[in-house]
Amino acid sequence: MTPEVVVVGQIARDLVLRVADAPAAGTAAAVRSRDEVLGGKGANQAVGVAQLGVPVALLAVVGDDRAGHDLLAHAAADGIDVSRSVVREHARSALIVNVVDDHGQWRYLEDIPDDVLVTEDDVLAAAGLLRGASSVVLQLQQPAATVRTAARIAREGGARVVLDGVPADEDLLACADILRADAHEAEIFTGQPVGNVAEGVKAGVMLLAHGLDLAVLEVAGHGNVFVSRAGYEFLPHDDADVVDTTGAGDALVATLTCALTRGQELRTAARAAVAAAASTTEHAGGRPRLNPGILESRKQP
């Protein structure tokens, strides 16, 4: 089945540890539970897309080690096309340790070697995959040259280009349709704080001036503002029993991309995306647990 969505980004072993309180230096804490799952931002987004029933491919890099081969096998079992993902010789696969306490606070320990980042050559080798997609999601923690090349190829094929994170330069925005960023990322790029709705709208309008059709920005601690050329809509955080905010943004990106790819109008897509993000905060770790019905259940009159 031809992928409708292609995600270019990170894949990693994700070790999630639950503790009552994170230990101070020189002390220890008992681990209440631990899970090791397929993780990394790119893989989390691809898993979310697959859970929503949309054919998806992941362009990512693993090391030529047992962990890397296991990661690709797990992704394939999740329904993700990993045929163009890369197994890099002599590289060590990425590992992310997420320590989550009972107060909903997380701490990450990340081992992401440079040689498991996606390169420009990796993108060029998968150009046909990108040109054939309806939507391409690009994780901006990858090298700038990689993202620019992927965006150019996707745009040539007529795909919707979705950027997640902070772009290395303004020119990339002219090759994209949608940018999603948290409040900190938005402030880094625009120089404007995003602490309330008005500030979020101002930052979003600044981003649209560079060529985007839609900017989705977190308003810190409150919700998300969706700024388009038709105006804006602020959606507060859904009620949720928050355990861990890890992966909420990935679930939002995956759901928004799927909804728009399947032709939903923006208001409906935005509500589904916010609901998906909220659902992901209710368990530890960034791996989503999305129900395809979320795309239908959030339709509004």
C-alpha atoms as a PDB file:
ATOM      1  CA  MET A   1       0.000   0.000   0.000  1.00  0.00           C
ATOM      2  CA  THR A   2       1.414   3.390  -1.000  1.00  0.00           C
ATOM      3  CA  PRO A   3       2.041   5.571   2.075  1.00  0.00           C
ATOM      4  CA  GLU A   4      -0.157   8.672   2.253  1.00  0.00           C
ATOM      5  CA  VAL A   5       2.032  10.166   4.982  1.00  0.00           C
ATOM      6  CA  VAL A   6       5.827  10.042   5.242  1.00  0.00           C
ATOM      7  CA  VAL A   7       7.581  11.003   8.474  1.00  0.00           C
ATOM      8  CA  VAL A   8      11.255  11.992   8.385  1.00  0.00           C
ATOM      9  CA  GLY A   9      12.752  11.909  11.854  1.00  0.00           C
ATOM     10  CA  GLN A  10      14.124  10.128  14.838  1.00  0.00           C
ATOM     11  CA  ILE A  11      13.741   6.524  15.928  1.00  0.00           C
ATOM     12  CA  ALA A  12      15.066   5.303  19.273  1.00  0.00           C
ATOM     13  CA  ARG A  13      14.731   2.821  22.075  1.00  0.00           C
ATOM     14  CA  ASP A  14      12.547   4.525  24.648  1.00  0.00           C
ATOM     15  CA  LEU A  15      13.059   3.356  28.236  1.00  0.00           C
ATOM     16  CA  VAL A  16      10.290   4.765  30.464  1.00  0.00           C
ATOM     17  CA  LEU A  17      10.849   4.604  34.236  1.00  0.00           C
ATOM     18  CA  ARG A  18       8.150   5.523  36.781  1.00  0.00           C
ATOM     19  CA  VAL A  19       9.293   6.731  40.209  1.00  0.00           C
ATOM     20  CA  ALA A  20       7.561   8.422  43.123  1.00  0.00           C
ATOM     21  CA  ASP A  21      10.147  11.212  43.203  1.00  0.00           C
ATOM     22  CA  ALA A  22      13.295  11.686  41.169  1.00  0.00           C
ATOM     23  CA  PRO A  23      16.351  11.143  43.385  1.00  0.00           C
ATOM     24  CA  ALA A  24      18.691  13.929  44.349  1.00  0.00           C
ATOM     25  CA  ALA A  25      22.407  13.581  43.683  1.00  0.00           C
ATOM     26  CA  GLY A  26      23.956  10.855  45.793  1.00  0.00           C
ATOM     27  CA  THR A  27      20.616   9.167  46.524  1.00  0.00           C
ATOM     28  CA  ALA A  28      18.534   6.419  44.932  1.00  0.00           C
ATOM     29  CA  ALA A  29      14.873   5.882  44.079  1.00  0.00           C
ATOM     30  CA  ALA A  30      12.901   2.699  43.554  1.00  0.00           C
ATOM     31  CA  VAL A  31      11.522   2.198  40.040  1.00  0.00           C
ATOM     32  CA  ARG A  32       7.806   1.428  40.217  1.00  0.00           C
ATOM     33  CA  SER A  33       7.505   0.347  36.600  1.00  0.00           C
ATOM     34  CA  ARG A  34       9.595   0.255  33.471  1.00  0.00           C
ATOM     35  CA  ASP A  35       8.759  -0.159  29.814  1.00  0.00           C
ATOM     36  CA  GLU A  36      11.030  -0.293  26.792  1.00  0.00           C
ATOM     37  CA  VAL A  37       9.198   0.617  23.598  1.00  0.00           C
ATOM     38  CA  LEU A  38       9.687   1.993  20.119  1.00  0.00           C
ATOM     39  CA  GLY A  39      10.280   5.722  20.574  1.00  0.00           C
ATOM     40  CA  GLY A  40      11.818   8.899  19.236  1.00  0.00           C
ATOM     41  CA  LYS A  41       9.783  11.798  17.818  1.00  0.00           C
ATOM     42  CA  GLY A  42       9.665  10.491  14.270  1.00  0.00           C
ATOM     43  CA  ALA A  43       8.630   6.996  15.303  1.00  0.00           C
ATOM     44  CA  ASN A  44       6.024   8.332  17.754  1.00  0.00           C
ATOM     45  CA  GLN A  45       4.419  10.381  14.988  1.00  0.00           C
ATOM     46  CA  ALA A  46       4.498   7.462  12.554  1.00  0.00           C
ATOM     47  CA  VAL A  47       2.919   5.159  15.166  1.00  0.00           C
ATOM     48  CA  GLY A  48       0.154   7.717  15.704  1.00  0.00           C
ATOM     49  CA  VAL A  49      -0.559   7.945  11.978  1.00  0.00           C
ATOM     50  CA  ALA A  50      -0.677   4.146  11.684  1.00  0.00           C
ATOM     51  CA  GLN A  51      -3.030   3.889  14.684  1.00  0.00           C
ATOM     52  CA  LEU A  52      -5.380   6.312  12.942  1.00  0.00           C
ATOM     53  CA  GLY A  53      -5.552   3.992   9.947  1.00  0.00           C
ATOM     54  CA  VAL A  54      -3.574   6.087   7.454  1.00  0.00           C
ATOM     55  CA  PRO A  55      -0.789   4.333   5.490  1.00  0.00           C
ATOM     56  CA  VAL A  56       2.535   5.729   6.691  1.00  0.00           C
ATOM     57  CA  ALA A  57       6.249   5.341   6.031  1.00  0.00           C
ATOM     58  CA  LEU A  58       9.127   6.353   8.288  1.00  0.00           C
ATOM     59  CA  LEU A  59      12.477   7.570   6.998  1.00  0.00           C
ATOM     60  CA  ALA A  60      14.813   7.202   9.975  1.00  0.00           C
ATOM     61  CA  VAL A  61      18.246   5.794  10.814  1.00  0.00           C
ATOM     62  CA  VAL A  62      19.245   3.002  13.186  1.00  0.00           C
ATOM     63  CA  GLY A  63      22.605   1.464  13.933  1.00  0.00           C
ATOM     64  CA  ASP A  64      23.632  -1.919  12.594  1.00  0.00           C
ATOM     65  CA  ASP A  65      23.150  -3.456  16.024  1.00  0.00           C
ATOM     66  CA  ARG A  66      20.594  -5.673  17.679  1.00  0.00           C
ATOM     67  CA  ALA A  67      18.673  -2.699  19.045  1.00  0.00           C
ATOM     68  CA  GLY A  68      18.420  -1.123  15.601  1.00  0.00           C
ATOM     69  CA  HIS A  69      17.093  -4.246  13.924  1.00  0.00           C
ATOM     70  CA  ASP A  70      14.618  -4.711  16.781  1.00  0.00           C
ATOM     71  CA  LEU A  71      13.391  -1.131  16.373  1.00  0.00           C
ATOM     72  CA  LEU A  72      12.680  -1.606  12.679  1.00  0.00           C
ATOM     73  CA  ALA A  73      10.907  -4.898  13.399  1.00  0.00           C
ATOM     74  CA  HIS A  74       8.737  -3.205  16.024  1.00  0.00           C
ATOM     75  CA  ALA A  75       7.901  -0.349  13.658  1.00  0.00           C
ATOM     76  CA  ALA A  76       6.904  -2.803  10.933  1.00  0.00           C
ATOM     77  CA  ALA A  77       4.720  -4.661  13.437  1.00  0.00           C
ATOM     78  CA  ASP A  78       2.999  -1.328  14.155  1.00  0.00           C
ATOM     79  CA  GLY A  79       2.054  -1.097  10.480  1.00  0.00           C
ATOM     80  CA  ILE A  80       4.764   1.382   9.483  1.00  0.00           C
ATOM     81  CA  ASP A  81       6.596   1.042   6.166  1.00  0.00           C
ATOM     82  CA  VAL A  82      10.295   1.122   7.077  1.00  0.00           C
ATOM     83  CA  SER A  83      11.576  -0.097   3.714  1.00  0.00           C
ATOM     84  CA  ARG A  84      13.431   3.197   3.140  1.00  0.00           C
ATOM     85  CA  SER A  85      14.745   3.567   6.672  1.00  0.00           C
ATOM     86  CA  VAL A  86      18.504   3.205   6.915  1.00  0.00           C
ATOM     87  CA  VAL A  87      20.661   0.752   8.849  1.00  0.00           C
ATOM     88  CA  ARG A  88      23.963   2.600   9.334  1.00  0.00           C
ATOM     89  CA  GLU A  89      27.104   0.475   9.567  1.00  0.00           C
ATOM     90  CA  HIS A  90      29.201   0.934  12.712  1.00  0.00           C
ATOM     91  CA  ALA A  91      26.573   3.248  14.252  1.00  0.00           C
ATOM     92  CA  ARG A  92      24.968   2.894  17.687  1.00  0.00           C
ATOM     93  CA  SER A  93      21.168   3.096  17.762  1.00  0.00           C
ATOM     94  CA  ALA A  94      19.650   5.936  19.759  1.00  0.00           C
ATOM     95  CA  LEU A  95      18.419   5.511  23.323  1.00  0.00           C
ATOM     96  CA  ILE A  96      16.136   7.824  25.311  1.00  0.00           C
ATOM     97  CA  VAL A  97      15.530   7.280  29.036  1.00  0.00           C
ATOM     98  CA  ASN A  98      12.426   9.051  30.339  1.00  0.00           C
ATOM     99  CA  VAL A  99      12.158   9.246  34.137  1.00  0.00           C
ATOM    100  CA  VAL A 100       8.626  10.258  35.165  1.00  0.00           C
ATOM    101  CA  ASP A 101       7.660  11.071  38.754  1.00  0.00           C
ATOM    102  CA  ASP A 102       4.285  11.110  40.484  1.00  0.00           C
ATOM    103  CA  HIS A 103       4.048  14.881  40.012  1.00  0.00           C
ATOM    104  CA  GLY A 104       3.964  14.602  36.235  1.00  0.00           C
ATOM    105  CA  GLN A 105       7.529  15.872  35.891  1.00  0.00           C
ATOM    106  CA  TRP A 106       9.849  14.193  33.400  1.00  0.00           C
ATOM    107  CA  ARG A 107      13.593  14.044  32.934  1.00  0.00           C
ATOM    108  CA  TYR A 108      15.207  12.789  29.744  1.00  0.00           C
ATOM    109  CA  LEU A 109      18.588  11.147  29.299  1.00  0.00           C
ATOM    110  CA  GLU A 110      19.324  11.047  25.583  1.00  0.00           C
ATOM    111  CA  ASP A 111      22.013   9.152  23.693  1.00  0.00           C
ATOM    112  CA  ILE A 112      21.456  10.153  20.072  1.00  0.00           C
ATOM    113  CA  PRO A 113      24.701   9.780  18.109  1.00  0.00           C
ATOM    114  CA  ASP A 114      25.199  12.082  15.136  1.00  0.00           C
ATOM    115  CA  ASP A 115      25.489   9.139  12.778  1.00  0.00           C
ATOM    116  CA  VAL A 116      21.878   8.089  13.388  1.00  0.00           C
ATOM    117  CA  LEU A 117      20.546  11.437  12.185  1.00  0.00           C
ATOM    118  CA  VAL A 118      18.983  11.412   8.730  1.00  0.00           C
ATOM    119  CA  THR A 119      21.384  12.776   6.102  1.00  0.00           C
ATOM    120  CA  GLU A 120      20.743  14.597   2.856  1.00  0.00           C
ATOM    121  CA  ASP A 121      21.925  11.486   0.980  1.00  0.00           C
ATOM    122  CA  ASP A 122      19.367   9.390   2.881  1.00  0.00           C
ATOM    123  CA  VAL A 123      16.644  11.775   1.716  1.00  0.00           C
ATOM    124  CA  LEU A 124      17.814  11.769  -1.905  1.00  0.00           C
ATOM    125  CA  ALA A 125      17.789   7.971  -1.909  1.00  0.00           C
ATOM    126  CA  ALA A 126      14.151   8.053  -0.759  1.00  0.00           C
ATOM    127  CA  ALA A 127      13.054  10.848  -3.113  1.00  0.00           C
ATOM    128  CA  GLY A 128      10.431   8.678  -4.809  1.00  0.00           C
ATOM    129  CA  LEU A 129       8.803   7.927  -1.464  1.00  0.00           C
ATOM    130  CA  LEU A 130       8.570  11.632  -0.607  1.00  0.00           C
ATOM    131  CA  ARG A 131       7.232  12.627  -4.028  1.00  0.00           C
ATOM    132  CA  GLY A 132       4.493  10.014  -3.812  1.00  0.00           C
ATOM    133  CA  ALA A 133       3.113  11.104  -0.425  1.00  0.00           C
ATOM    134  CA  SER A 134       0.105  13.308   0.249  1.00  0.00           C
ATOM    135  CA  SER A 135       1.730  14.753   3.383  1.00  0.00           C
ATOM    136  CA  VAL A 136       5.336  14.776   4.617  1.00  0.00           C
ATOM    137  CA  VAL A 137       6.162  15.487   8.269  1.00  0.00           C
ATOM    138  CA  LEU A 138       9.668  16.786   8.934  1.00  0.00           C
ATOM    139  CA  GLN A 139      11.169  16.764  12.411  1.00  0.00           C
ATOM    140  CA  LEU A 140      13.389  19.824  12.714  1.00  0.00           C
ATOM    141  CA  GLN A 141      15.848  18.237  15.143  1.00  0.00           C
ATOM    142  CA  GLN A 142      17.400  16.706  12.022  1.00  0.00           C
ATOM    143  CA  PRO A 143      20.239  18.492  10.155  1.00  0.00           C
ATOM    144  CA  ALA A 144      19.172  21.651   8.315  1.00  0.00           C
ATOM    145  CA  ALA A 145      20.366  20.392   4.917  1.00  0.00           C
ATOM    146  CA  THR A 146      18.353  17.208   5.395  1.00  0.00           C
ATOM    147  CA  VAL A 147      15.167  19.105   6.152  1.00  0.00           C
ATOM    148  CA  ARG A 148      15.607  21.597   3.297  1.00  0.00           C
ATOM    149  CA  THR A 149      16.150  18.826   0.762  1.00  0.00           C
ATOM    150  CA  ALA A 150      13.220  16.777   2.052  1.00  0.00           C
ATOM    151  CA  ALA A 151      10.920  19.809   1.978  1.00  0.00           C
ATOM    152  CA  ARG A 152      11.972  20.671  -1.586  1.00  0.00           C
ATOM    153  CA  ILE A 153      11.400  17.140  -2.868  1.00  0.00           C
ATOM    154  CA  ALA A 154       8.059  16.822  -1.084  1.00  0.00           C
ATOM    155  CA  ARG A 155       6.904  20.172  -2.458  1.00  0.00           C
ATOM    156  CA  GLU A 156       7.923  19.113  -5.989  1.00  0.00           C
ATOM    157  CA  GLY A 157       5.646  16.107  -5.624  1.00  0.00           C
ATOM    158  CA  GLY A 158       2.734  18.240  -4.433  1.00  0.00           C
ATOM    159  CA  ALA A 159       2.766  17.007  -0.824  1.00  0.00           C
ATOM    160  CA  ARG A 160       1.608  19.010   2.162  1.00  0.00           C
ATOM    161  CA  VAL A 161       4.790  19.803   4.134  1.00  0.00           C
ATOM    162  CA  VAL A 162       4.454  19.805   7.926  1.00  0.00           C
ATOM    163  CA  LEU A 163       7.354  21.095  10.040  1.00  0.00           C
ATOM    164  CA  ASP A 164       7.680  20.130  13.704  1.00  0.00           C
ATOM    165  CA  GLY A 165      10.021  22.268  15.782  1.00  0.00           C
ATOM    166  CA  VAL A 166      12.263  25.276  15.178  1.00  0.00           C
ATOM    167  CA  PRO A 167      13.518  25.846  11.612  1.00  0.00           C
ATOM    168  CA  ALA A 168      17.206  26.593  11.206  1.00  0.00           C
ATOM    169  CA  ASP A 169      16.437  29.449   8.818  1.00  0.00           C
ATOM    170  CA  GLU A 170      13.457  31.469   7.610  1.00  0.00           C
ATOM    171  CA  ASP A 171      13.780  30.262   4.007  1.00  0.00           C
ATOM    172  CA  LEU A 172      12.514  26.814   4.987  1.00  0.00           C
ATOM    173  CA  LEU A 173       9.108  28.247   5.849  1.00  0.00           C
ATOM    174  CA  ALA A 174       8.533  29.164   2.201  1.00  0.00           C
ATOM    175  CA  CYS A 175       8.753  25.443   1.355  1.00  0.00           C
ATOM    176  CA  ALA A 176       6.232  24.404   4.009  1.00  0.00           C
ATOM    177  CA  ASP A 177       2.503  24.550   4.632  1.00  0.00           C
ATOM    178  CA  ILE A 178       2.256  23.973   8.395  1.00  0.00           C
ATOM    179  CA  LEU A 179       4.545  24.596  11.362  1.00  0.00           C
ATOM    180  CA  ARG A 180       3.904  23.212  14.829  1.00  0.00           C
ATOM    181  CA  ALA A 181       6.020  24.478  17.737  1.00  0.00           C
ATOM    182  CA  ASP A 182       5.813  24.572  21.509  1.00  0.00           C
ATOM    183  CA  ALA A 183       5.953  27.904  23.310  1.00  0.00           C
ATOM    184  CA  HIS A 184       9.706  27.776  23.881  1.00  0.00           C
ATOM    185  CA  GLU A 185      10.422  26.887  20.250  1.00  0.00           C
ATOM    186  CA  ALA A 186       8.136  29.649  18.986  1.00  0.00           C
ATOM    187  CA  GLU A 187       9.900  32.215  21.155  1.00  0.00           C
ATOM    188  CA  ILE A 188      13.326  31.083  19.922  1.00  0.00           C
ATOM    189  CA  PHE A 189      12.303  31.659  16.310  1.00  0.00           C
ATOM    190  CA  THR A 190      10.142  34.782  16.565  1.00  0.00           C
ATOM    191  CA  GLY A 191      11.771  36.479  19.547  1.00  0.00           C
ATOM    192  CA  GLN A 192       8.267  36.822  20.999  1.00  0.00           C
ATOM    193  CA  PRO A 193       7.058  35.110  24.189  1.00  0.00           C
ATOM    194  CA  VAL A 194       3.958  32.956  23.819  1.00  0.00           C
ATOM    195  CA  GLY A 195       2.446  33.118  27.283  1.00  0.00           C
ATOM    196  CA  ASN A 196      -1.118  34.036  26.306  1.00  0.00           C
ATOM    197  CA  VAL A 197      -3.437  33.834  23.309  1.00  0.00           C
ATOM    198  CA  ALA A 198      -2.670  37.334  21.999  1.00  0.00           C
ATOM    199  CA  GLU A 199       1.059  36.601  22.018  1.00  0.00           C
ATOM    200  CA  GLY A 200       0.434  33.273  20.297  1.00  0.00           C
ATOM    201  CA  VAL A 201      -1.578  34.942  17.556  1.00  0.00           C
ATOM    202  CA  LYS A 202       1.117  37.608  17.090  1.00  0.00           C
ATOM    203  CA  ALA A 203       3.831  34.956  16.761  1.00  0.00           C
ATOM    204  CA  GLY A 204       1.642  32.936  14.398  1.00  0.00           C
ATOM    205  CA  VAL A 205       1.036  35.918  12.123  1.00  0.00           C
ATOM    206  CA  MET A 206       4.791  36.528  11.997  1.00  0.00           C
ATOM    207  CA  LEU A 207       5.286  32.931  10.847  1.00  0.00           C
ATOM    208  CA  LEU A 208       2.557  33.159   8.208  1.00  0.00           C
ATOM    209  CA  ALA A 209       4.369  36.156   6.718  1.00  0.00           C
ATOM    210  CA  HIS A 210       7.143  33.756   5.665  1.00  0.00           C
ATOM    211  CA  GLY A 211       4.771  31.708   3.496  1.00  0.00           C
ATOM    212  CA  LEU A 212       3.068  29.203   5.797  1.00  0.00           C
ATOM    213  CA  ASP A 213      -0.658  28.483   5.584  1.00  0.00           C
ATOM    214  CA  LEU A 214      -0.986  27.430   9.226  1.00  0.00           C
ATOM    215  CA  ALA A 215       1.004  27.914  12.430  1.00  0.00           C
ATOM    216  CA  VAL A 216       0.087  25.758  15.436  1.00  0.00           C
ATOM    217  CA  LEU A 217       1.654  27.157  18.593  1.00  0.00           C
ATOM    218  CA  GLU A 218       1.459  26.070  22.193  1.00  0.00           C
ATOM    219  CA  VAL A 219       0.329  28.779  24.576  1.00  0.00           C
ATOM    220  CA  ALA A 220       2.393  27.733  27.579  1.00  0.00           C
ATOM    221  CA  GLY A 221       0.306  25.927  30.166  1.00  0.00           C
ATOM    222  CA  HIS A 222      -3.018  26.839  28.553  1.00  0.00           C
ATOM    223  CA  GLY A 223      -3.578  25.215  25.164  1.00  0.00           C
ATOM    224  CA  ASN A 224      -2.828  25.638  21.477  1.00  0.00           C
ATOM    225  CA  VAL A 225      -3.584  28.425  19.036  1.00  0.00           C
ATOM    226  CA  PHE A 226      -4.154  27.608  15.357  1.00  0.00           C
ATOM    227  CA  VAL A 227      -3.340  30.658  13.232  1.00  0.00           C
ATOM    228  CA  SER A 228      -4.268  30.622   9.532  1.00  0.00           C
ATOM    229  CA  ARG A 229      -4.910  33.227   6.874  1.00  0.00           C
ATOM    230  CA  ALA A 230      -8.614  32.984   7.700  1.00  0.00           C
ATOM    231  CA  GLY A 231      -8.051  33.918  11.342  1.00  0.00           C
ATOM    232  CA  TYR A 232      -7.261  31.972  14.487  1.00  0.00           C
ATOM    233  CA  GLU A 233      -8.790  29.574  16.973  1.00  0.00           C
ATOM    234  CA  PHE A 234      -7.553  28.932  20.486  1.00  0.00           C
ATOM    235  CA  LEU A 235      -8.267  25.486  21.911  1.00  0.00           C
ATOM    236  CA  PRO A 236      -7.578  25.032  25.634  1.00  0.00           C
ATOM    237  CA  HIS A 237      -6.074  21.810  26.903  1.00  0.00           C
ATOM    238  CA  ASP A 238      -8.684  19.064  27.157  1.00  0.00           C
ATOM    239  CA  ASP A 239      -9.446  17.787  30.633  1.00  0.00           C
ATOM    240  CA  ALA A 240      -7.007  14.980  31.299  1.00  0.00           C
ATOM    241  CA  ASP A 241      -5.465  13.171  34.237  1.00  0.00           C
ATOM    242  CA  VAL A 242      -1.926  14.161  33.285  1.00  0.00           C
ATOM    243  CA  VAL A 243       0.745  11.564  33.998  1.00  0.00           C
ATOM    244  CA  ASP A 244       3.421  12.603  31.494  1.00  0.00           C
ATOM    245  CA  THR A 245       3.345  15.293  28.810  1.00  0.00           C
ATOM    246  CA  THR A 246       5.932  13.440  26.707  1.00  0.00           C
ATOM    247  CA  GLY A 247       4.647  12.792  23.200  1.00  0.00           C
ATOM    248  CA  ALA A 248       1.625  15.113  23.364  1.00  0.00           C
ATOM    249  CA  GLY A 249       2.987  17.261  20.552  1.00  0.00           C
ATOM    250  CA  ASP A 250       3.762  14.192  18.462  1.00  0.00           C
ATOM    251  CA  ALA A 251       0.182  12.964  18.839  1.00  0.00           C
ATOM    252  CA  LEU A 252      -1.092  16.410  17.875  1.00  0.00           C
ATOM    253  CA  VAL A 253       1.047  16.501  14.731  1.00  0.00           C
ATOM    254  CA  ALA A 254       0.102  12.963  13.715  1.00  0.00           C
ATOM    255  CA  THR A 255      -3.621  13.559  14.162  1.00  0.00           C
ATOM    256  CA  LEU A 256      -3.690  16.978  12.519  1.00  0.00           C
ATOM    257  CA  THR A 257      -1.766  15.613   9.532  1.00  0.00           C
ATOM    258  CA  CYS A 258      -4.082  12.604   9.176  1.00  0.00           C
ATOM    259  CA  ALA A 259      -7.246  14.682   9.461  1.00  0.00           C
ATOM    260  CA  LEU A 260      -6.120  17.205   6.848  1.00  0.00           C
ATOM    261  CA  THR A 261      -4.793  14.456   4.582  1.00  0.00           C
ATOM    262  CA  ARG A 262      -8.221  12.828   4.699  1.00  0.00           C
ATOM    263  CA  GLY A 263      -9.902  16.107   3.738  1.00  0.00           C
ATOM    264  CA  GLN A 264     -11.283  17.350   7.054  1.00  0.00           C
ATOM    265  CA  GLU A 265     -11.708  21.065   7.480  1.00  0.00           C
ATOM    266  CA  LEU A 266      -9.295  22.808   9.806  1.00  0.00           C
ATOM    267  CA  ARG A 267     -11.642  23.359  12.755  1.00  0.00           C
ATOM    268  CA  THR A 268     -12.507  19.672  12.970  1.00  0.00           C
ATOM    269  CA  ALA A 269      -8.885  18.613  12.438  1.00  0.00           C
ATOM    270  CA  ALA A 270      -7.673  20.973  15.160  1.00  0.00           C
ATOM    271  CA  ARG A 271     -10.149  19.646  17.726  1.00  0.00           C
ATOM    272  CA  ALA A 272      -9.193  16.049  16.966  1.00  0.00           C
ATOM    273  CA  ALA A 273      -5.503  16.923  17.264  1.00  0.00           C
ATOM    274  CA  VAL A 274      -5.925  18.566  20.665  1.00  0.00           C
ATOM    275  CA  ALA A 275      -7.957  15.616  21.936  1.00  0.00           C
ATOM    276  CA  ALA A 276      -5.254  13.196  20.759  1.00  0.00           C
ATOM    277  CA  ALA A 277      -2.571  15.226  22.532  1.00  0.00           C
ATOM    278  CA  ALA A 278      -4.578  15.162  25.760  1.00  0.00           C
ATOM    279  CA  SER A 279      -5.068  11.403  25.577  1.00  0.00           C
ATOM    280  CA  THR A 280      -1.326  10.874  25.275  1.00  0.00           C
ATOM    281  CA  THR A 281      -0.623  12.734  28.521  1.00  0.00           C
ATOM    282  CA  GLU A 282      -2.661  10.189  30.471  1.00  0.00           C
ATOM    283  CA  HIS A 283       0.053   7.528  30.386  1.00  0.00           C
ATOM    284  CA  ALA A 284       3.819   7.520  30.874  1.00  0.00           C
ATOM    285  CA  GLY A 285       6.022   7.684  27.779  1.00  0.00           C
ATOM    286  CA  GLY A 286       5.603   9.266  24.375  1.00  0.00           C
ATOM    287  CA  ARG A 287       4.147   6.305  22.488  1.00  0.00           C
ATOM    288  CA  PRO A 288       0.592   7.275  21.494  1.00  0.00           C
ATOM    289  CA  ARG A 289      -2.518   5.153  21.990  1.00  0.00           C
ATOM    290  CA  LEU A 290      -4.856   6.713  19.443  1.00  0.00           C
ATOM    291  CA  ASN A 291      -8.283   5.464  18.438  1.00  0.00           C
ATOM    292  CA  PRO A 292      -9.229   5.988  14.767  1.00  0.00           C
ATOM    293  CA  GLY A 293     -12.655   7.121  15.959  1.00  0.00           C
ATOM    294  CA  ILE A 294     -11.122  10.334  17.276  1.00  0.00           C
ATOM    295  CA  LEU A 295     -11.167  11.713  13.737  1.00  0.00           C
ATOM    296  CA  GLU A 296     -14.939  11.303  13.607  1.00  0.00           C
ATOM    297  CA  SER A 297     -15.897  11.956  17.217  1.00  0.00           C
ATOM    298  CA  ARG A 298     -14.595  15.527  17.191  1.00  0.00           C
ATOM    299  CA  LYS A 299     -16.690  16.714  14.268  1.00  0.00           C
ATOM    300  CA  GLN A 300     -18.565  19.877  15.130  1.00  0.00           C
ATOM    301  CA  PRO A 301     -21.769  21.250  13.586  1.00  0.00           C
END
